[in-house]
């Protein structure tokens, strides 16, 4: 939960600075839907997608093919390292949006031995793909995108990103997200009414 809360604060700032706050967004590999629910509560029109996990907290706001071409940006947290076929997954995301905001740990240089880096995750074996900064720069070039490392967050984008705004994002602290949230209208009540109407129509 703590990771989702911290990410919701960072993404509120990023989306407010660089993207259309009224657009649709997709959380790819969205897990139980916690992040989607948090972002909708803040006021962003977020949707959920995950091939392997049940949507518990963002039911009713699943991504579907009719939204293709209407998604402003995709978020994808702690999933890149799980991809068996990273390029296939990235191309699938890029077919939905040319803006991907994601997290993963960069492979150190020199490359550490198996017992020298915690992120290999040898105890669980679920981390199977690892990336260096050069890898992401290569991928960005391959698809004619810009790659930005935001220190914990990574971004592929076809937008021209202001270096000043990037600095603001990278060093934002002291509740800057709270200031930006005041410009947004929470979707909590709106979503409640939507789901109530759906449930009533089923009954």
Foldseek 3Di string as FASTA:
>chain_A
DVVLVVVLLLVLLVCLQPHDQAFEEEEELCAQCPNVQVNLQLFHRYAYDRPPHHHHRDPPRHDDPVCAVRHAEYEYEPCCQQDPDNVVVVVVRVSRYQKYKYFDDAQDPPGDDPVPDCRCVPVVNRGHDHHHPVRVVVVLVVVVWDWDDLPGMIMTHNDDDDPVSSVCSSPPDDRPSVVSSVVHDRCVVVVVVVVVVVVVVVD
